[in-house]
Protein backbone atom coordinates (compact mmCIF):
# COMPACT_ATOMS: atom_id res chain seq x y z
CA MET A 1 108.00 122.10 56.95
CA GLU A 2 106.95 119.61 59.94
CA SER A 3 103.48 118.23 60.03
CA LYS A 4 101.65 118.83 63.34
CA ARG A 5 100.36 115.69 65.00
CA VAL A 6 96.55 115.70 65.41
CA THR A 7 95.29 113.56 68.29
CA GLU A 8 91.53 112.49 68.55
CA GLU A 9 90.43 111.48 71.92
CA ILE A 10 87.83 108.57 71.90
CA GLU A 11 84.97 107.45 74.34
CA PRO A 12 84.73 103.78 73.64
CA TYR A 13 81.57 101.94 74.14
CA CYS A 14 81.58 99.85 77.37
CA LYS A 15 79.31 97.13 78.37
CA TRP A 16 79.02 95.87 82.06
CA ARG A 17 78.02 92.39 82.80
CA ARG A 18 77.28 91.59 86.59
CA ARG A 19 77.97 88.01 88.02
CA PRO A 20 77.56 86.89 91.66
CA THR A 21 81.22 86.50 92.21
CA TYR A 22 82.72 89.00 89.60
CA ASP A 23 81.70 91.53 86.96
CA ILE A 24 82.89 91.85 83.48
CA VAL A 25 83.56 95.03 81.61
CA GLU A 26 83.66 94.99 77.77
CA VAL A 27 85.45 97.88 76.18
CA HIS A 28 85.08 98.05 72.49
CA LEU A 29 88.34 99.28 70.80
CA HIS A 30 88.18 98.28 67.15
CA GLY A 31 91.20 99.20 65.36
CA PHE A 32 93.54 98.99 68.28
CA GLU A 33 95.89 96.12 68.75
CA ASP A 34 96.96 94.50 72.21
CA ARG A 35 100.29 96.28 72.36
CA GLU A 36 98.55 99.76 71.86
CA ILE A 37 96.44 99.38 74.92
CA ARG A 38 97.35 99.45 78.71
CA VAL A 39 95.19 98.53 81.85
CA LYS A 40 96.30 99.44 85.19
CA CYS A 41 94.91 99.35 88.64
CA LYS A 42 95.57 102.71 90.25
CA ASN A 43 95.34 103.72 93.96
CA ARG A 44 92.01 102.69 95.72
CA GLY A 45 90.89 100.37 93.24
CA ASN A 46 90.52 102.58 90.13
CA LEU A 47 91.14 100.98 86.70
CA LYS A 48 92.74 103.14 84.02
CA ILE A 49 92.67 102.17 80.46
CA SER A 50 94.75 103.87 78.09
CA GLY A 51 96.24 103.68 74.67
CA LYS A 52 96.88 105.35 71.28
CA ARG A 53 97.33 104.16 67.81
CA PRO A 54 98.00 105.91 64.40
CA MET A 55 94.96 106.77 62.14
CA ASP A 56 96.96 106.50 58.87
CA GLY A 57 100.35 105.62 57.52
CA THR A 58 102.00 109.05 58.01
CA PHE A 59 101.51 109.11 61.85
CA ALA A 60 100.11 112.45 61.54
CA ARG A 61 96.67 111.61 63.10
CA TRP A 62 96.27 109.52 66.16
CA LYS A 63 93.41 107.99 68.06
CA LYS A 64 93.71 108.11 71.93
CA ILE A 65 91.74 106.63 74.80
CA ALA A 66 91.94 107.40 78.55
CA LYS A 67 89.26 105.70 80.36
CA LYS A 68 88.97 105.65 84.13
CA ILE A 69 86.68 103.31 85.83
CA GLU A 70 85.92 103.75 89.65
CA LEU A 71 85.52 100.74 91.49
CA PRO A 72 84.30 100.87 95.24
CA SER A 73 86.96 99.17 97.47
CA ARG A 74 84.17 97.85 99.63
CA VAL A 75 82.73 95.68 96.65
CA TYR A 76 85.72 94.73 94.45
CA LYS A 77 89.17 93.44 94.63
CA ALA A 78 90.34 95.47 91.76
CA GLN A 79 93.84 94.54 92.16
CA ASP A 80 93.08 91.17 91.23
CA PHE A 81 91.64 92.09 87.93
CA ASN A 82 92.39 90.01 84.70
CA HIS A 83 91.91 91.30 81.27
CA LYS A 84 92.45 89.90 77.62
CA PHE A 85 92.12 91.70 74.13
CA ASP A 86 90.45 89.72 71.40
CA GLY A 87 88.94 91.01 68.11
CA GLY A 88 88.97 94.53 69.08
CA ILE A 89 87.18 93.92 72.54
CA LEU A 90 89.02 94.39 75.81
CA VAL A 91 87.48 92.16 78.33
CA ILE A 92 88.21 93.02 81.97
CA THR A 93 87.29 90.59 84.84
CA ILE A 94 87.05 92.11 88.12
CA PRO A 95 86.39 89.76 91.21
CA LYS A 96 84.17 90.73 93.88
CA LYS A 97 85.13 90.77 97.73
CA GLY A 98 81.57 89.03 98.61
CA HIS A 99 82.91 85.87 96.95
CA MET A 100 85.33 85.29 99.84
CA GLU A 101 82.59 85.98 102.34
CA SER A 102 80.31 83.38 100.67
CA ALA A 103 83.08 80.67 100.81
CA VAL A 104 83.29 81.33 104.45
CA ASP A 105 79.56 81.07 104.96
CA THR A 106 79.72 77.73 102.94
CA ILE A 107 82.42 76.19 105.19
CA ILE A 108 80.52 77.27 108.38
CA LYS A 109 77.33 75.64 106.97
CA ALA A 110 79.28 72.48 106.18
CA CYS A 111 80.73 72.40 109.57
CA ALA A 112 77.27 72.87 111.31
CA PHE A 113 76.01 70.10 109.22
CA LEU A 114 78.72 67.64 110.17
CA CYS A 115 78.10 68.55 113.82
CA VAL A 116 74.38 67.54 113.39
CA ILE A 117 75.23 64.32 111.90
CA ILE A 118 77.72 63.68 114.64
CA ILE A 119 75.28 64.48 117.40
CA ALA A 120 72.59 62.39 115.66
CA ALA A 121 75.08 59.26 115.42
CA TYR A 122 76.09 59.87 119.15
CA VAL A 123 72.51 59.84 120.25
CA THR A 124 71.46 56.90 118.17
CA PHE A 125 74.52 55.16 119.35
CA LYS A 126 73.91 55.89 122.97
CA CYS A 127 70.27 54.92 122.95
CA GLN A 128 71.00 51.49 121.79
């Protein structure tokens, strides 16, 4: 007689940490191994975390995860995410779009500062 496969779907604990240029999502997946976890960026910046693992040696009982994280495309560059899995914790780093804008602002401010120095040097030289 064949044994029926039983699958238990789990909702993992997630911790969100915000940073100025990126956010970090920690997903606690104790008992899973790296090869049992998949992280993909779906259309419009939605992250999908999926995986399954056997609960016992008979492979009759399984634990499964299917988690979706919606990321607003106006805030995040979700397709550029990075992830690592260590000690049962999946760490996903998601860059923000605002980081590039702040880099442009920094360049504009540096150019403005250089213009002020050049004008001051010109005025000083011309007045001598």
